[in-house]
């Protein structure tokens, strides 16, 4: 079985979302709430110095960095990622460009430790 990948959504005539793929754009509960050009309250985490001022998201890379910091916070209202585990994830971002779906792929497919009972 191959590792899940990011798929670019398309409005092209005849395009269909591939099997085993879940849409994770802003219309879903897993969409990136950080929008390029908007200013947000302070975002915790390592944003790589890519924010200007207090917390203005200036690039797609910065939006993805903010999403990563937010998603890694246990109090983030990201919800259950179990439905994403082992699935391809579809967003509108172009291939090769920063995308929050890559962060979701990483988090949703992390190894899970099962509790051992004596």
PDB file of N, CA and C in Angstrom:
ATOM      1  N   UNK A   1       0.846  -1.179   0.000  1.00  0.00           N
ATOM      2  CA  UNK A   1       0.000   0.000   0.000  1.00  0.00           C
ATOM      3  C   UNK A   1       0.891   1.242   0.000  1.00  0.00           C
ATOM      4  N   UNK A   2       0.595   2.195  -0.875  1.00  0.00           N
ATOM      5  CA  UNK A   2       1.423   3.394  -0.971  1.00  0.00           C
ATOM      6  C   UNK A   2       0.997   4.419   0.082  1.00  0.00           C
ATOM      7  N   UNK A   3       1.933   5.288   0.412  1.00  0.00           N
ATOM      8  CA  UNK A   3       1.667   6.328   1.408  1.00  0.00           C
ATOM      9  C   UNK A   3       0.664   7.335   0.851  1.00  0.00           C
ATOM     10  N   UNK A   4      -0.190   7.880   1.707  1.00  0.00           N
ATOM     11  CA  UNK A   4      -1.148   8.889   1.254  1.00  0.00           C
ATOM     12  C   UNK A   4      -0.425  10.132   0.737  1.00  0.00           C
ATOM     13  N   UNK A   5      -1.051  10.822  -0.202  1.00  0.00           N
ATOM     14  CA  UNK A   5      -0.465  12.008  -0.820  1.00  0.00           C
ATOM     15  C   UNK A   5      -1.479  13.141  -0.842  1.00  0.00           C
ATOM     16  N   UNK A   6      -0.987  14.330  -1.169  1.00  0.00           N
ATOM     17  CA  UNK A   6      -1.871  15.480  -1.356  1.00  0.00           C
ATOM     18  C   UNK A   6      -2.336  15.512  -2.804  1.00  0.00           C
ATOM     19  N   UNK A   7      -3.608  15.801  -2.993  1.00  0.00           N
ATOM     20  CA  UNK A   7      -4.221  15.887  -4.317  1.00  0.00           C
ATOM     21  C   UNK A   7      -4.712  17.319  -4.499  1.00  0.00           C
ATOM     22  N   UNK A   8      -4.524  17.880  -5.706  1.00  0.00           N
ATOM     23  CA  UNK A   8      -5.036  19.227  -5.964  1.00  0.00           C
ATOM     24  C   UNK A   8      -6.460  19.133  -6.502  1.00  0.00           C
ATOM     25  N   UNK A   9      -7.383  19.811  -5.823  1.00  0.00           N
ATOM     26  CA  UNK A   9      -8.761  19.877  -6.300  1.00  0.00           C
ATOM     27  C   UNK A   9      -8.801  20.634  -7.621  1.00  0.00           C
ATOM     28  N   UNK A  10      -9.804  20.344  -8.428  1.00  0.00           N
ATOM     29  CA  UNK A  10      -9.920  20.991  -9.734  1.00  0.00           C
ATOM     30  C   UNK A  10     -11.386  21.184 -10.090  1.00  0.00           C
ATOM     31  N   UNK A  11     -11.654  22.255 -10.839  1.00  0.00           N
ATOM     32  CA  UNK A  11     -12.997  22.491 -11.373  1.00  0.00           C
ATOM     33  C   UNK A  11     -13.064  22.137 -12.858  1.00  0.00           C
ATOM     34  N   UNK A  12     -12.010  21.529 -13.374  1.00  0.00           N
ATOM     35  CA  UNK A  12     -11.960  21.172 -14.798  1.00  0.00           C
ATOM     36  C   UNK A  12     -13.069  20.178 -15.129  1.00  0.00           C
ATOM     37  N   UNK A  13     -13.622  20.339 -16.297  1.00  0.00           N
ATOM     38  CA  UNK A  13     -14.684  19.439 -16.745  1.00  0.00           C
ATOM     39  C   UNK A  13     -14.209  17.993 -16.705  1.00  0.00           C
ATOM     40  N   UNK A  14     -15.011  17.147 -16.108  1.00  0.00           N
ATOM     41  CA  UNK A  14     -14.693  15.726 -16.057  1.00  0.00           C
ATOM     42  C   UNK A  14     -13.797  15.303 -14.907  1.00  0.00           C
ATOM     43  N   UNK A  15     -13.235  16.281 -14.162  1.00  0.00           N
ATOM     44  CA  UNK A  15     -12.350  15.907 -13.057  1.00  0.00           C
ATOM     45  C   UNK A  15     -13.169  15.326 -11.923  1.00  0.00           C
ATOM     46  N   UNK A  16     -12.693  14.251 -11.367  1.00  0.00           N
ATOM     47  CA  UNK A  16     -13.323  13.624 -10.215  1.00  0.00           C
ATOM     48  C   UNK A  16     -12.270  13.391  -9.136  1.00  0.00           C
ATOM     49  N   UNK A  17     -12.695  13.541  -7.908  1.00  0.00           N
ATOM     50  CA  UNK A  17     -11.768  13.292  -6.816  1.00  0.00           C
ATOM     51  C   UNK A  17     -11.443  11.798  -6.796  1.00  0.00           C
ATOM     52  N   UNK A  18     -10.157  11.468  -6.718  1.00  0.00           N
ATOM     53  CA  UNK A  18      -9.761  10.057  -6.717  1.00  0.00           C
ATOM     54  C   UNK A  18     -10.339   9.294  -5.520  1.00  0.00           C
ATOM     55  N   UNK A  19     -10.458   7.986  -5.694  1.00  0.00           N
ATOM     56  CA  UNK A  19     -10.868   7.130  -4.582  1.00  0.00           C
ATOM     57  C   UNK A  19      -9.881   7.303  -3.437  1.00  0.00           C
ATOM     58  N   UNK A  20     -10.327   6.983  -2.244  1.00  0.00           N
ATOM     59  CA  UNK A  20      -9.491   7.030  -1.050  1.00  0.00           C
ATOM     60  C   UNK A  20      -8.957   8.440  -0.769  1.00  0.00           C
ATOM     61  N   UNK A  21      -9.746   9.461  -1.136  1.00  0.00           N
ATOM     62  CA  UNK A  21      -9.327  10.854  -0.967  1.00  0.00           C
ATOM     63  C   UNK A  21     -10.383  11.621  -0.181  1.00  0.00           C
ATOM     64  N   UNK A  22      -9.931  12.447   0.751  1.00  0.00           N
ATOM     65  CA  UNK A  22     -10.821  13.271   1.568  1.00  0.00           C
ATOM     66  C   UNK A  22     -10.511  14.737   1.290  1.00  0.00           C
ATOM     67  N   UNK A  23     -11.549  15.522   1.046  1.00  0.00           N
ATOM     68  CA  UNK A  23     -11.407  16.960   0.816  1.00  0.00           C
ATOM     69  C   UNK A  23     -11.135  17.650   2.158  1.00  0.00           C
ATOM     70  N   UNK A  24     -10.096  18.498   2.198  1.00  0.00           N
ATOM     71  CA  UNK A  24      -9.729  19.195   3.439  1.00  0.00           C
ATOM     72  C   UNK A  24      -9.590  20.704   3.224  1.00  0.00           C
ATOM     73  N   UNK A  25     -10.323  21.260   2.267  1.00  0.00           N
ATOM     74  CA  UNK A  25     -10.223  22.701   2.020  1.00  0.00           C
ATOM     75  C   UNK A  25     -11.008  23.459   3.092  1.00  0.00           C
ATOM     76  N   UNK A  26     -11.117  24.777   2.950  1.00  0.00           N
ATOM     77  CA  UNK A  26     -11.756  25.601   3.981  1.00  0.00           C
ATOM     78  C   UNK A  26     -13.243  25.319   4.150  1.00  0.00           C
ATOM     79  N   UNK A  27     -13.856  24.619   3.215  1.00  0.00           N
ATOM     80  CA  UNK A  27     -15.275  24.294   3.362  1.00  0.00           C
ATOM     81  C   UNK A  27     -15.491  23.120   4.318  1.00  0.00           C
ATOM     82  N   UNK A  28     -14.409  22.515   4.794  1.00  0.00           N
ATOM     83  CA  UNK A  28     -14.515  21.362   5.682  1.00  0.00           C
ATOM     84  C   UNK A  28     -13.997  21.706   7.077  1.00  0.00           C
ATOM     85  N   UNK A  29     -14.231  20.822   8.022  1.00  0.00           N
ATOM     86  CA  UNK A  29     -13.742  21.046   9.389  1.00  0.00           C
ATOM     87  C   UNK A  29     -12.230  21.036   9.472  1.00  0.00           C
ATOM     88  N   UNK A  30     -11.551  20.525   8.438  1.00  0.00           N
ATOM     89  CA  UNK A  30     -10.093  20.430   8.466  1.00  0.00           C
ATOM     90  C   UNK A  30      -9.406  21.538   7.667  1.00  0.00           C
ATOM     91  N   UNK A  31     -10.162  22.532   7.202  1.00  0.00           N
ATOM     92  CA  UNK A  31      -9.578  23.617   6.418  1.00  0.00           C
ATOM     93  C   UNK A  31      -8.647  24.493   7.242  1.00  0.00           C
ATOM     94  N   UNK A  32      -7.716  25.162   6.560  1.00  0.00           N
ATOM     95  CA  UNK A  32      -6.778  26.062   7.230  1.00  0.00           C
ATOM     96  C   UNK A  32      -7.496  27.368   7.567  1.00  0.00           C
ATOM     97  N   UNK A  33      -7.632  27.700   8.862  1.00  0.00           N
ATOM     98  CA  UNK A  33      -8.317  28.939   9.225  1.00  0.00           C
ATOM     99  C   UNK A  33      -7.467  30.192   9.005  1.00  0.00           C
ATOM    100  N   UNK A  34      -6.175  30.022   8.692  1.00  0.00           N
ATOM    101  CA  UNK A  34      -5.276  31.162   8.517  1.00  0.00           C
ATOM    102  C   UNK A  34      -5.228  31.574   7.050  1.00  0.00           C
ATOM    103  N   UNK A  35      -5.644  32.810   6.781  1.00  0.00           N
ATOM    104  CA  UNK A  35      -5.772  33.321   5.420  1.00  0.00           C
ATOM    105  C   UNK A  35      -4.683  34.357   5.153  1.00  0.00           C
ATOM    106  N   UNK A  36      -4.023  34.233   4.015  1.00  0.00           N
ATOM    107  CA  UNK A  36      -2.988  35.192   3.635  1.00  0.00           C
ATOM    108  C   UNK A  36      -3.606  36.592   3.566  1.00  0.00           C
ATOM    109  N   UNK A  37      -2.926  37.552   4.192  1.00  0.00           N
ATOM    110  CA  UNK A  37      -3.381  38.937   4.175  1.00  0.00           C
ATOM    111  C   UNK A  37      -4.152  39.348   5.419  1.00  0.00           C
ATOM    112  N   UNK A  38      -4.585  38.383   6.226  1.00  0.00           N
ATOM    113  CA  UNK A  38      -5.333  38.704   7.440  1.00  0.00           C
ATOM    114  C   UNK A  38      -4.399  38.773   8.639  1.00  0.00           C
ATOM    115  N   UNK A  39      -4.841  39.519   9.652  1.00  0.00           N
ATOM    116  CA  UNK A  39      -4.089  39.638  10.896  1.00  0.00           C
ATOM    117  C   UNK A  39      -4.823  38.862  11.976  1.00  0.00           C
ATOM    118  N   UNK A  40      -4.059  38.145  12.783  1.00  0.00           N
ATOM    119  CA  UNK A  40      -4.618  37.287  13.823  1.00  0.00           C
ATOM    120  C   UNK A  40      -3.997  37.626  15.163  1.00  0.00           C
ATOM    121  N   UNK A  41      -4.687  37.254  16.248  1.00  0.00           N
ATOM    122  CA  UNK A  41      -4.055  37.386  17.562  1.00  0.00           C
ATOM    123  C   UNK A  41      -2.789  36.540  17.572  1.00  0.00           C
ATOM    124  N   UNK A  42      -1.931  36.764  18.525  1.00  0.00           N
ATOM    125  CA  UNK A  42      -0.661  36.032  18.585  1.00  0.00           C
ATOM    126  C   UNK A  42      -0.889  34.534  18.446  1.00  0.00           C
ATOM    127  N   UNK A  43      -0.084  33.908  17.607  1.00  0.00           N
ATOM    128  CA  UNK A  43      -0.144  32.468  17.385  1.00  0.00           C
ATOM    129  C   UNK A  43       1.075  31.861  18.052  1.00  0.00           C
ATOM    130  N   UNK A  44       0.849  30.899  18.913  1.00  0.00           N
ATOM    131  CA  UNK A  44       1.950  30.244  19.614  1.00  0.00           C
ATOM    132  C   UNK A  44       2.654  29.278  18.678  1.00  0.00           C
ATOM    133  N   UNK A  45       3.920  29.014  18.962  1.00  0.00           N
ATOM    134  CA  UNK A  45       4.663  28.022  18.190  1.00  0.00           C
ATOM    135  C   UNK A  45       5.746  28.666  17.356  1.00  0.00           C
ATOM    136  N   UNK A  46       6.521  27.834  16.676  1.00  0.00           N
ATOM    137  CA  UNK A  46       7.626  28.300  15.848  1.00  0.00           C
ATOM    138  C   UNK A  46       7.112  28.661  14.467  1.00  0.00           C
ATOM    139  N   UNK A  47       7.023  29.947  14.195  1.00  0.00           N
ATOM    140  CA  UNK A  47       6.547  30.398  12.890  1.00  0.00           C
ATOM    141  C   UNK A  47       7.701  30.812  11.994  1.00  0.00           C
ATOM    142  N   UNK A  48       8.899  30.475  12.379  1.00  0.00           N
ATOM    143  CA  UNK A  48      10.049  30.710  11.525  1.00  0.00           C
ATOM    144  C   UNK A  48      10.308  32.161  11.189  1.00  0.00           C
ATOM    145  N   UNK A  49       9.801  33.084  11.979  1.00  0.00           N
ATOM    146  CA  UNK A  49      10.032  34.496  11.726  1.00  0.00           C
ATOM    147  C   UNK A  49       9.334  35.005  10.480  1.00  0.00           C
ATOM    148  N   UNK A  50       8.327  34.291   9.995  1.00  0.00           N
ATOM    149  CA  UNK A  50       7.696  34.690   8.745  1.00  0.00           C
ATOM    150  C   UNK A  50       6.491  35.595   8.949  1.00  0.00           C
ATOM    151  N   UNK A  51       6.217  35.994  10.188  1.00  0.00           N
ATOM    152  CA  UNK A  51       5.116  36.916  10.429  1.00  0.00           C
ATOM    153  C   UNK A  51       5.663  38.328  10.587  1.00  0.00           C
ATOM    154  N   UNK A  52       4.942  39.295  10.077  1.00  0.00           N
ATOM    155  CA  UNK A  52       5.308  40.697  10.275  1.00  0.00           C
ATOM    156  C   UNK A  52       4.329  41.294  11.276  1.00  0.00           C
ATOM    157  N   UNK A  53       4.762  42.322  11.966  1.00  0.00           N
ATOM    158  CA  UNK A  53       3.891  42.936  12.951  1.00  0.00           C
ATOM    159  C   UNK A  53       3.524  41.921  14.010  1.00  0.00           C
ATOM    160  N   UNK A  54       2.291  41.999  14.497  1.00  0.00           N
ATOM    161  CA  UNK A  54       1.886  41.060  15.542  1.00  0.00           C
ATOM    162  C   UNK A  54       1.637  39.678  14.969  1.00  0.00           C
ATOM    163  N   UNK A  55       0.773  39.555  14.038  1.00  0.00           N
ATOM    164  CA  UNK A  55       0.512  38.233  13.468  1.00  0.00           C
ATOM    165  C   UNK A  55      -0.206  38.362  12.131  1.00  0.00           C
ATOM    166  N   UNK A  56       0.427  39.074  11.202  1.00  0.00           N
ATOM    167  CA  UNK A  56      -0.168  39.181   9.873  1.00  0.00           C
ATOM    168  C   UNK A  56       0.392  38.052   9.010  1.00  0.00           C
ATOM    169  N   UNK A  57      -0.504  37.293   8.435  1.00  0.00           N
ATOM    170  CA  UNK A  57      -0.108  36.181   7.574  1.00  0.00           C
ATOM    171  C   UNK A  57       0.215  36.769   6.207  1.00  0.00           C
ATOM    172  N   UNK A  58       1.490  36.727   5.816  1.00  0.00           N
ATOM    173  CA  UNK A  58       1.903  37.381   4.575  1.00  0.00           C
ATOM    174  C   UNK A  58       2.081  36.443   3.393  1.00  0.00           C
ATOM    175  N   UNK A  59       2.293  35.166   3.644  1.00  0.00           N
ATOM    176  CA  UNK A  59       2.525  34.221   2.544  1.00  0.00           C
ATOM    177  C   UNK A  59       1.802  32.911   2.833  1.00  0.00           C
ATOM    178  N   UNK A  60       1.678  32.084   1.804  1.00  0.00           N
ATOM    179  CA  UNK A  60       1.087  30.757   1.992  1.00  0.00           C
ATOM    180  C   UNK A  60       1.930  29.937   2.958  1.00  0.00           C
ATOM    181  N   UNK A  61       3.244  30.072   2.857  1.00  0.00           N
ATOM    182  CA  UNK A  61       4.127  29.351   3.768  1.00  0.00           C
ATOM    183  C   UNK A  61       3.886  29.746   5.217  1.00  0.00           C
ATOM    184  N   UNK A  62       3.640  31.027   5.433  1.00  0.00           N
ATOM    185  CA  UNK A  62       3.359  31.520   6.776  1.00  0.00           C
ATOM    186  C   UNK A  62       2.010  30.986   7.266  1.00  0.00           C
ATOM    187  N   UNK A  63       1.019  30.931   6.381  1.00  0.00           N
ATOM    188  CA  UNK A  63      -0.294  30.383   6.743  1.00  0.00           C
ATOM    189  C   UNK A  63      -0.171  28.917   7.140  1.00  0.00           C
ATOM    190  N   UNK A  64       0.670  28.181   6.437  1.00  0.00           N
ATOM    191  CA  UNK A  64       0.878  26.766   6.753  1.00  0.00           C
ATOM    192  C   UNK A  64       1.634  26.628   8.075  1.00  0.00           C
ATOM    193  N   UNK A  65       2.629  27.494   8.304  1.00  0.00           N
ATOM    194  CA  UNK A  65       3.366  27.463   9.570  1.00  0.00           C
ATOM    195  C   UNK A  65       2.431  27.773  10.739  1.00  0.00           C
ATOM    196  N   UNK A  66       1.550  28.754  10.565  1.00  0.00           N
ATOM    197  CA  UNK A  66       0.583  29.088  11.611  1.00  0.00           C
ATOM    198  C   UNK A  66      -0.371  27.916  11.833  1.00  0.00           C
ATOM    199  N   UNK A  67      -0.789  27.271  10.752  1.00  0.00           N
ATOM    200  CA  UNK A  67      -1.671  26.107  10.871  1.00  0.00           C
ATOM    201  C   UNK A  67      -0.975  24.992  11.644  1.00  0.00           C
ATOM    202  N   UNK A  68       0.290  24.747  11.330  1.00  0.00           N
ATOM    203  CA  UNK A  68       1.037  23.688  12.024  1.00  0.00           C
ATOM    204  C   UNK A  68       1.099  23.979  13.532  1.00  0.00           C
ATOM    205  N   UNK A  69       1.462  25.211  13.883  1.00  0.00           N
ATOM    206  CA  UNK A  69       1.553  25.578  15.299  1.00  0.00           C
ATOM    207  C   UNK A  69       0.199  25.395  15.981  1.00  0.00           C
ATOM    208  N   UNK A  70      -0.868  25.809  15.308  1.00  0.00           N
ATOM    209  CA  UNK A  70      -2.222  25.691  15.849  1.00  0.00           C
ATOM    210  C   UNK A  70      -2.639  24.224  15.955  1.00  0.00           C
ATOM    211  N   UNK A  71      -2.385  23.443  14.911  1.00  0.00           N
ATOM    212  CA  UNK A  71      -2.806  22.037  14.874  1.00  0.00           C
ATOM    213  C   UNK A  71      -2.062  21.190  15.901  1.00  0.00           C
ATOM    214  N   UNK A  72      -0.825  21.553  16.203  1.00  0.00           N
ATOM    215  CA  UNK A  72      -0.032  20.796  17.172  1.00  0.00           C
ATOM    216  C   UNK A  72      -0.456  21.100  18.611  1.00  0.00           C
ATOM    217  N   UNK A  73      -1.225  22.166  18.801  1.00  0.00           N
ATOM    218  CA  UNK A  73      -1.709  22.532  20.130  1.00  0.00           C
ATOM    219  C   UNK A  73      -2.870  21.605  20.493  1.00  0.00           C
ATOM    220  N   UNK A  74      -2.757  20.933  21.610  1.00  0.00           N
ATOM    221  CA  UNK A  74      -3.783  19.967  22.010  1.00  0.00           C
ATOM    222  C   UNK A  74      -5.153  20.604  22.216  1.00  0.00           C
ATOM    223  N   UNK A  75      -5.206  21.917  22.462  1.00  0.00           N
ATOM    224  CA  UNK A  75      -6.492  22.576  22.675  1.00  0.00           C
ATOM    225  C   UNK A  75      -7.120  23.072  21.369  1.00  0.00           C
ATOM    226  N   UNK A  76      -6.442  22.883  20.248  1.00  0.00           N
ATOM    227  CA  UNK A  76      -6.982  23.333  18.957  1.00  0.00           C
ATOM    228  C   UNK A  76      -8.258  22.559  18.625  1.00  0.00           C
ATOM    229  N   UNK A  77      -9.271  23.253  18.114  1.00  0.00           N
ATOM    230  CA  UNK A  77     -10.531  22.583  17.778  1.00  0.00           C
ATOM    231  C   UNK A  77     -10.476  21.887  16.414  1.00  0.00           C
ATOM    232  N   UNK A  78      -9.396  21.174  16.161  1.00  0.00           N
ATOM    233  CA  UNK A  78      -9.201  20.528  14.862  1.00  0.00           C
ATOM    234  C   UNK A  78     -10.113  19.328  14.686  1.00  0.00           C
ATOM    235  N   UNK A  79     -10.464  18.701  15.767  1.00  0.00           N
ATOM    236  CA  UNK A  79     -11.353  17.549  15.692  1.00  0.00           C
ATOM    237  C   UNK A  79     -10.602  16.251  15.470  1.00  0.00           C
ATOM    238  N   UNK A  80     -11.362  15.212  15.299  1.00  0.00           N
ATOM    239  CA  UNK A  80     -10.827  13.868  15.131  1.00  0.00           C
ATOM    240  C   UNK A  80     -10.206  13.713  13.745  1.00  0.00           C
ATOM    241  N   UNK A  81      -8.940  13.335  13.704  1.00  0.00           N
ATOM    242  CA  UNK A  81      -8.253  13.144  12.423  1.00  0.00           C
ATOM    243  C   UNK A  81      -8.298  11.694  11.954  1.00  0.00           C
ATOM    244  N   UNK A  82      -8.940  10.822  12.718  1.00  0.00           N
ATOM    245  CA  UNK A  82      -9.022   9.409  12.339  1.00  0.00           C
ATOM    246  C   UNK A  82      -9.559   9.211  10.923  1.00  0.00           C
ATOM    247  N   UNK A  83     -10.587   9.964  10.482  1.00  0.00           N
ATOM    248  CA  UNK A  83     -11.093   9.768   9.115  1.00  0.00           C
ATOM    249  C   UNK A  83     -10.066  10.103   8.025  1.00  0.00           C
ATOM    250  N   UNK A  84      -8.985  10.818   8.394  1.00  0.00           N
ATOM    251  CA  UNK A  84      -7.959  11.198   7.415  1.00  0.00           C
ATOM    252  C   UNK A  84      -6.829  10.177   7.338  1.00  0.00           C
ATOM    253  N   UNK A  85      -6.720   9.344   8.348  1.00  0.00           N
ATOM    254  CA  UNK A  85      -5.618   8.380   8.436  1.00  0.00           C
ATOM    255  C   UNK A  85      -5.649   7.416   7.252  1.00  0.00           C
ATOM    256  N   UNK A  86      -4.524   7.349   6.524  1.00  0.00           N
ATOM    257  CA  UNK A  86      -4.405   6.444   5.385  1.00  0.00           C
ATOM    258  C   UNK A  86      -5.081   6.939   4.115  1.00  0.00           C
ATOM    259  N   UNK A  87      -5.643   8.136   4.150  1.00  0.00           N
ATOM    260  CA  UNK A  87      -6.344   8.696   2.981  1.00  0.00           C
ATOM    261  C   UNK A  87      -5.481   9.752   2.295  1.00  0.00           C
ATOM    262  N   UNK A  88      -5.679   9.912   0.994  1.00  0.00           N
ATOM    263  CA  UNK A  88      -5.124  11.056   0.284  1.00  0.00           C
ATOM    264  C   UNK A  88      -5.941  12.265   0.721  1.00  0.00           C
ATOM    265  N   UNK A  89      -5.325  13.440   0.745  1.00  0.00           N
ATOM    266  CA  UNK A  89      -6.027  14.649   1.162  1.00  0.00           C
ATOM    267  C   UNK A  89      -6.042  15.658   0.025  1.00  0.00           C
ATOM    268  N   UNK A  90      -7.213  16.234  -0.228  1.00  0.00           N
ATOM    269  CA  UNK A  90      -7.389  17.140  -1.362  1.00  0.00           C
ATOM    270  C   UNK A  90      -7.627  18.575  -0.910  1.00  0.00           C
ATOM    271  N   UNK A  91      -6.861  19.491  -1.515  1.00  0.00           N
ATOM    272  CA  UNK A  91      -6.980  20.921  -1.256  1.00  0.00           C
ATOM    273  C   UNK A  91      -6.742  21.650  -2.585  1.00  0.00           C
ATOM    274  N   UNK A  92      -6.968  22.968  -2.591  1.00  0.00           N
ATOM    275  CA  UNK A  92      -6.807  23.750  -3.817  1.00  0.00           C
ATOM    276  C   UNK A  92      -5.368  24.187  -4.075  1.00  0.00           C
ATOM    277  N   UNK A  93      -4.484  24.042  -3.112  1.00  0.00           N
ATOM    278  CA  UNK A  93      -3.097  24.488  -3.283  1.00  0.00           C
ATOM    279  C   UNK A  93      -2.409  23.740  -4.424  1.00  0.00           C
ATOM    280  N   UNK A  94      -1.582  24.466  -5.151  1.00  0.00           N
ATOM    281  CA  UNK A  94      -0.858  23.868  -6.282  1.00  0.00           C
ATOM    282  C   UNK A  94       0.212  22.902  -5.778  1.00  0.00           C
ATOM    283  N   UNK A  95       0.476  21.852  -6.546  1.00  0.00           N
ATOM    284  CA  UNK A  95       1.547  20.918  -6.169  1.00  0.00           C
ATOM    285  C   UNK A  95       2.872  21.667  -6.018  1.00  0.00           C
ATOM    286  N   UNK A  96       3.617  21.306  -5.002  1.00  0.00           N
ATOM    287  CA  UNK A  96       4.905  21.952  -4.763  1.00  0.00           C
ATOM    288  C   UNK A  96       4.819  23.224  -3.943  1.00  0.00           C
ATOM    289  N   UNK A  97       3.614  23.750  -3.755  1.00  0.00           N
ATOM    290  CA  UNK A  97       3.426  24.957  -2.949  1.00  0.00           C
ATOM    291  C   UNK A  97       3.102  24.546  -1.511  1.00  0.00           C
ATOM    292  N   UNK A  98       3.367  25.432  -0.538  1.00  0.00           N
ATOM    293  CA  UNK A  98       3.018  25.100   0.843  1.00  0.00           C
ATOM    294  C   UNK A  98       1.514  24.846   0.964  1.00  0.00           C
ATOM    295  N   UNK A  99       1.144  23.831   1.743  1.00  0.00           N
ATOM    296  CA  UNK A  99      -0.270  23.493   1.908  1.00  0.00           C
ATOM    297  C   UNK A  99      -0.491  22.852   3.270  1.00  0.00           C
ATOM    298  N   UNK A 100      -1.551  23.258   3.935  1.00  0.00           N
ATOM    299  CA  UNK A 100      -1.872  22.686   5.241  1.00  0.00           C
ATOM    300  C   UNK A 100      -2.197  21.202   5.141  1.00  0.00           C
ATOM    301  N   UNK A 101      -2.594  20.729   3.964  1.00  0.00           N
ATOM    302  CA  UNK A 101      -2.897  19.300   3.791  1.00  0.00           C
ATOM    303  C   UNK A 101      -1.655  18.451   4.057  1.00  0.00           C
ATOM    304  N   UNK A 102      -0.480  18.987   3.749  1.00  0.00           N
ATOM    305  CA  UNK A 102       0.758  18.252   4.040  1.00  0.00           C
ATOM    306  C   UNK A 102       0.934  18.079   5.552  1.00  0.00           C
ATOM    307  N   UNK A 103       0.560  19.105   6.305  1.00  0.00           N
ATOM    308  CA  UNK A 103       0.626  19.026   7.769  1.00  0.00           C
ATOM    309  C   UNK A 103      -0.370  17.982   8.266  1.00  0.00           C
ATOM    310  N   UNK A 104      -1.586  18.014   7.712  1.00  0.00           N
ATOM    311  CA  UNK A 104      -2.595  17.031   8.111  1.00  0.00           C
ATOM    312  C   UNK A 104      -2.158  15.611   7.767  1.00  0.00           C
ATOM    313  N   UNK A 105      -1.543  15.435   6.596  1.00  0.00           N
ATOM    314  CA  UNK A 105      -1.040  14.107   6.219  1.00  0.00           C
ATOM    315  C   UNK A 105      -0.050  13.601   7.263  1.00  0.00           C
ATOM    316  N   UNK A 106       0.841  14.479   7.674  1.00  0.00           N
ATOM    317  CA  UNK A 106       1.864  14.103   8.657  1.00  0.00           C
ATOM    318  C   UNK A 106       1.236  13.748  10.004  1.00  0.00           C
ATOM    319  N   UNK A 107       0.360  14.616  10.495  1.00  0.00           N
ATOM    320  CA  UNK A 107      -0.232  14.401  11.817  1.00  0.00           C
ATOM    321  C   UNK A 107      -1.166  13.189  11.823  1.00  0.00           C
ATOM    322  N   UNK A 108      -2.019  13.087  10.825  1.00  0.00           N
ATOM    323  CA  UNK A 108      -3.010  11.999  10.795  1.00  0.00           C
ATOM    324  C   UNK A 108      -2.375  10.627  10.623  1.00  0.00           C
ATOM    325  N   UNK A 109      -1.183  10.585  10.053  1.00  0.00           N
ATOM    326  CA  UNK A 109      -0.547   9.296   9.772  1.00  0.00           C
ATOM    327  C   UNK A 109       0.633   8.985  10.681  1.00  0.00           C
ATOM    328  N   UNK A 110       0.728   9.699  11.782  1.00  0.00           N
ATOM    329  CA  UNK A 110       1.770   9.389  12.761  1.00  0.00           C
ATOM    330  C   UNK A 110       1.507   8.005  13.350  1.00  0.00           C
ATOM    331  N   UNK A 111       2.579   7.326  13.740  1.00  0.00           N
ATOM    332  CA  UNK A 111       2.371   6.031  14.400  1.00  0.00           C
ATOM    333  C   UNK A 111       1.560   6.223  15.683  1.00  0.00           C
ATOM    334  N   UNK A 112       0.695   5.277  15.951  1.00  0.00           N
ATOM    335  CA  UNK A 112      -0.118   5.335  17.163  1.00  0.00           C
ATOM    336  C   UNK A 112       0.359   4.284  18.151  1.00  0.00           C
ATOM    337  N   UNK A 113       0.426   4.681  19.378  1.00  0.00           N
ATOM    338  CA  UNK A 113       0.805   3.733  20.429  1.00  0.00           C
ATOM    339  C   UNK A 113      -0.475   3.187  21.045  1.00  0.00           C
ATOM    340  N   UNK A 114      -0.575   1.899  21.072  1.00  0.00           N
ATOM    341  CA  UNK A 114      -1.740   1.285  21.696  1.00  0.00           C
ATOM    342  C   UNK A 114      -1.434   1.020  23.156  1.00  0.00           C
ATOM    343  N   UNK A 115      -2.440   1.230  23.981  1.00  0.00           N
ATOM    344  CA  UNK A 115      -2.258   1.008  25.406  1.00  0.00           C
ATOM    345  C   UNK A 115      -2.192  -0.496  25.674  1.00  0.00           C
ATOM    346  N   UNK A 116      -1.190  -0.878  26.415  1.00  0.00           N
ATOM    347  CA  UNK A 116      -1.011  -2.289  26.760  1.00  0.00           C
ATOM    348  C   UNK A 116      -1.647  -2.542  28.116  1.00  0.00           C
ATOM    349  N   UNK A 117      -2.481  -3.560  28.179  1.00  0.00           N
ATOM    350  CA  UNK A 117      -3.082  -3.915  29.457  1.00  0.00           C
ATOM    351  C   UNK A 117      -2.410  -5.168  30.001  1.00  0.00           C
ATOM    352  N   UNK A 118      -2.130  -5.162  31.289  1.00  0.00           N
ATOM    353  CA  UNK A 118      -1.437  -6.321  31.882  1.00  0.00           C
ATOM    354  C   UNK A 118      -2.319  -7.553  31.939  1.00  0.00           C
TER     355      UNK A 118
END
